[in-house]
Every structure is written in structure tokens, then in C-alpha cells.
Amino acid sequence: MNKSHTHISLSLIYLVASWSLLLWLHFSTEPNIFAHLVAIPSLLLFTGFSAYQIVKKGL
């Protein structure tokens, strides 16, 4: 695999993993301070970073 395909694959893996964890947190845990102030914002940052990398390198 060349560098561009590796980069896009890694970005898509981050995107899928972060959304999977967000959905899991949403449906399986009770609302608490950790989920709302730490986990969900950090997963949203990973989602944004992944989307930025996909747009930067092009799909």
C-alpha cells in the first residue's frame, strides 16, 4: 500500500473507532461527569482530526 492509501485508511479507522465509542457511551452508560467532560469531547476531537486528515490528503 502506498503512503496515501495508508494515510486514508488510518484516518477512516480513527473515524469509525471514535464514532463507535461515542455510540457505545451514549447507549450503555448513565450520564456522568467523565463522559460529558472528558470522553465525549476527546472522541469528538479525534473525529474532527480524522475528518481534517481525510480532507487534507483527499479521498
N, C-alpha and C. Protein backbone atom coordinates (compact mmCIF):
# COMPACT_ATOMS: atom_id res chain seq x y z
N MET A 1 0.84 -1.18 0.00
CA MET A 1 0.00 0.00 0.00
C MET A 1 0.88 1.24 0.00
N ASN A 2 0.51 2.21 -0.81
CA ASN A 2 1.31 3.42 -0.83
C ASN A 2 0.96 4.32 0.34
N LYS A 3 1.68 5.41 0.46
CA LYS A 3 1.54 6.30 1.62
C LYS A 3 0.15 6.93 1.69
N SER A 4 -0.42 7.32 0.56
CA SER A 4 -1.74 7.96 0.55
C SER A 4 -2.83 7.00 1.02
N HIS A 5 -2.78 5.75 0.55
CA HIS A 5 -3.78 4.77 0.97
C HIS A 5 -3.64 4.45 2.46
N THR A 6 -2.43 4.37 2.95
CA THR A 6 -2.20 4.11 4.36
C THR A 6 -2.74 5.25 5.20
N HIS A 7 -2.51 6.46 4.77
CA HIS A 7 -2.96 7.65 5.49
C HIS A 7 -4.49 7.69 5.55
N ILE A 8 -5.15 7.46 4.43
CA ILE A 8 -6.61 7.48 4.39
C ILE A 8 -7.18 6.33 5.20
N SER A 9 -6.57 5.17 5.14
CA SER A 9 -7.05 4.03 5.93
C SER A 9 -6.96 4.32 7.42
N LEU A 10 -5.86 4.89 7.85
CA LEU A 10 -5.70 5.23 9.26
C LEU A 10 -6.72 6.27 9.69
N SER A 11 -6.98 7.27 8.87
CA SER A 11 -7.98 8.28 9.19
C SER A 11 -9.37 7.68 9.28
N LEU A 12 -9.71 6.79 8.37
CA LEU A 12 -11.03 6.15 8.41
C LEU A 12 -11.17 5.23 9.63
N ILE A 13 -10.08 4.58 10.02
CA ILE A 13 -10.11 3.74 11.23
C ILE A 13 -10.36 4.60 12.45
N TYR A 14 -9.68 5.75 12.57
CA TYR A 14 -9.94 6.67 13.69
C TYR A 14 -11.39 7.13 13.68
N LEU A 15 -11.91 7.44 12.51
CA LEU A 15 -13.28 7.92 12.40
C LEU A 15 -14.28 6.86 12.85
N VAL A 16 -14.12 5.64 12.38
CA VAL A 16 -15.03 4.56 12.76
C VAL A 16 -14.89 4.22 14.24
N ALA A 17 -13.67 4.17 14.74
CA ALA A 17 -13.46 3.85 16.15
C ALA A 17 -14.06 4.91 17.07
N SER A 18 -13.85 6.17 16.73
CA SER A 18 -14.36 7.22 17.60
C SER A 18 -15.89 7.26 17.60
N TRP A 19 -16.53 7.09 16.44
CA TRP A 19 -17.99 7.08 16.40
C TRP A 19 -18.55 5.84 17.07
N SER A 20 -17.88 4.72 16.96
CA SER A 20 -18.33 3.51 17.66
C SER A 20 -18.28 3.72 19.17
N LEU A 21 -17.20 4.31 19.66
CA LEU A 21 -17.10 4.58 21.09
C LEU A 21 -18.12 5.62 21.54
N LEU A 22 -18.38 6.63 20.72
CA LEU A 22 -19.39 7.62 21.07
C LEU A 22 -20.77 6.97 21.19
N LEU A 23 -21.13 6.14 20.23
CA LEU A 23 -22.42 5.47 20.30
C LEU A 23 -22.51 4.52 21.48
N TRP A 24 -21.42 3.81 21.74
CA TRP A 24 -21.40 2.90 22.89
C TRP A 24 -21.58 3.67 24.19
N LEU A 25 -20.86 4.78 24.33
CA LEU A 25 -21.03 5.60 25.54
C LEU A 25 -22.45 6.12 25.66
N HIS A 26 -23.03 6.51 24.56
CA HIS A 26 -24.37 7.08 24.60
C HIS A 26 -25.41 6.05 25.04
N PHE A 27 -25.30 4.84 24.55
CA PHE A 27 -26.33 3.84 24.82
C PHE A 27 -26.06 2.96 26.03
N SER A 28 -24.85 2.90 26.53
CA SER A 28 -24.56 1.93 27.58
C SER A 28 -24.25 2.54 28.95
N THR A 29 -24.02 3.82 29.03
CA THR A 29 -23.68 4.40 30.33
C THR A 29 -24.71 5.43 30.76
N GLU A 30 -24.81 5.59 32.05
CA GLU A 30 -25.64 6.65 32.59
C GLU A 30 -24.88 7.96 32.43
N PRO A 31 -25.61 9.05 32.34
CA PRO A 31 -24.92 10.35 32.25
C PRO A 31 -24.03 10.59 33.47
N ASN A 32 -22.79 10.92 33.24
CA ASN A 32 -21.89 11.25 34.33
C ASN A 32 -20.88 12.30 33.87
N ILE A 33 -20.17 12.84 34.82
CA ILE A 33 -19.26 13.96 34.55
C ILE A 33 -18.09 13.54 33.64
N PHE A 34 -17.57 12.32 33.81
CA PHE A 34 -16.46 11.86 32.99
C PHE A 34 -16.86 11.79 31.51
N ALA A 35 -18.00 11.18 31.24
CA ALA A 35 -18.43 11.02 29.85
C ALA A 35 -18.66 12.37 29.19
N HIS A 36 -19.28 13.30 29.91
CA HIS A 36 -19.63 14.57 29.29
C HIS A 36 -18.46 15.54 29.18
N LEU A 37 -17.53 15.50 30.11
CA LEU A 37 -16.45 16.49 30.10
C LEU A 37 -15.12 15.96 29.58
N VAL A 38 -14.94 14.64 29.53
CA VAL A 38 -13.66 14.09 29.09
C VAL A 38 -13.81 13.19 27.87
N ALA A 39 -14.57 12.13 27.98
CA ALA A 39 -14.61 11.12 26.93
C ALA A 39 -15.25 11.64 25.64
N ILE A 40 -16.42 12.20 25.73
CA ILE A 40 -17.12 12.64 24.52
C ILE A 40 -16.38 13.77 23.82
N PRO A 41 -15.90 14.81 24.53
CA PRO A 41 -15.12 15.84 23.81
C PRO A 41 -13.85 15.30 23.16
N SER A 42 -13.16 14.39 23.83
CA SER A 42 -11.93 13.85 23.22
C SER A 42 -12.26 13.00 21.99
N LEU A 43 -13.35 12.25 22.03
CA LEU A 43 -13.74 11.47 20.86
C LEU A 43 -14.19 12.38 19.72
N LEU A 44 -14.84 13.48 20.05
CA LEU A 44 -15.20 14.44 19.01
C LEU A 44 -13.96 15.09 18.40
N LEU A 45 -12.93 15.33 19.21
CA LEU A 45 -11.67 15.86 18.67
C LEU A 45 -11.01 14.86 17.73
N PHE A 46 -11.03 13.57 18.10
CA PHE A 46 -10.48 12.54 17.21
C PHE A 46 -11.27 12.49 15.90
N THR A 47 -12.59 12.64 15.98
CA THR A 47 -13.41 12.65 14.78
C THR A 47 -13.06 13.85 13.89
N GLY A 48 -12.92 15.01 14.51
CA GLY A 48 -12.54 16.19 13.75
C GLY A 48 -11.16 16.07 13.13
N PHE A 49 -10.22 15.52 13.88
CA PHE A 49 -8.86 15.33 13.36
C PHE A 49 -8.87 14.36 12.19
N SER A 50 -9.64 13.29 12.32
CA SER A 50 -9.72 12.31 11.24
C SER A 50 -10.33 12.93 9.99
N ALA A 51 -11.40 13.69 10.16
CA ALA A 51 -12.02 14.34 9.01
C ALA A 51 -11.06 15.34 8.37
N TYR A 52 -10.32 16.08 9.19
CA TYR A 52 -9.34 17.03 8.67
C TYR A 52 -8.26 16.30 7.84
N GLN A 53 -7.78 15.20 8.35
CA GLN A 53 -6.74 14.45 7.64
C GLN A 53 -7.28 13.90 6.32
N ILE A 54 -8.52 13.44 6.31
CA ILE A 54 -9.10 12.93 5.07
C ILE A 54 -9.22 14.05 4.04
N VAL A 55 -9.69 15.22 4.48
CA VAL A 55 -9.84 16.35 3.56
C VAL A 55 -8.47 16.86 3.10
N LYS A 56 -7.52 16.89 4.02
CA LYS A 56 -6.18 17.40 3.68
C LYS A 56 -5.50 16.55 2.61
N LYS A 57 -5.57 15.25 2.75
CA LYS A 57 -4.91 14.36 1.79
C LYS A 57 -5.80 14.02 0.59
N GLY A 58 -7.08 14.22 0.73
CA GLY A 58 -8.02 13.92 -0.35
C GLY A 58 -8.41 12.45 -0.33
N LEU A 59 -9.65 12.22 -0.68
CA LEU A 59 -10.16 10.84 -0.70
C LEU A 59 -10.17 10.39 -2.12
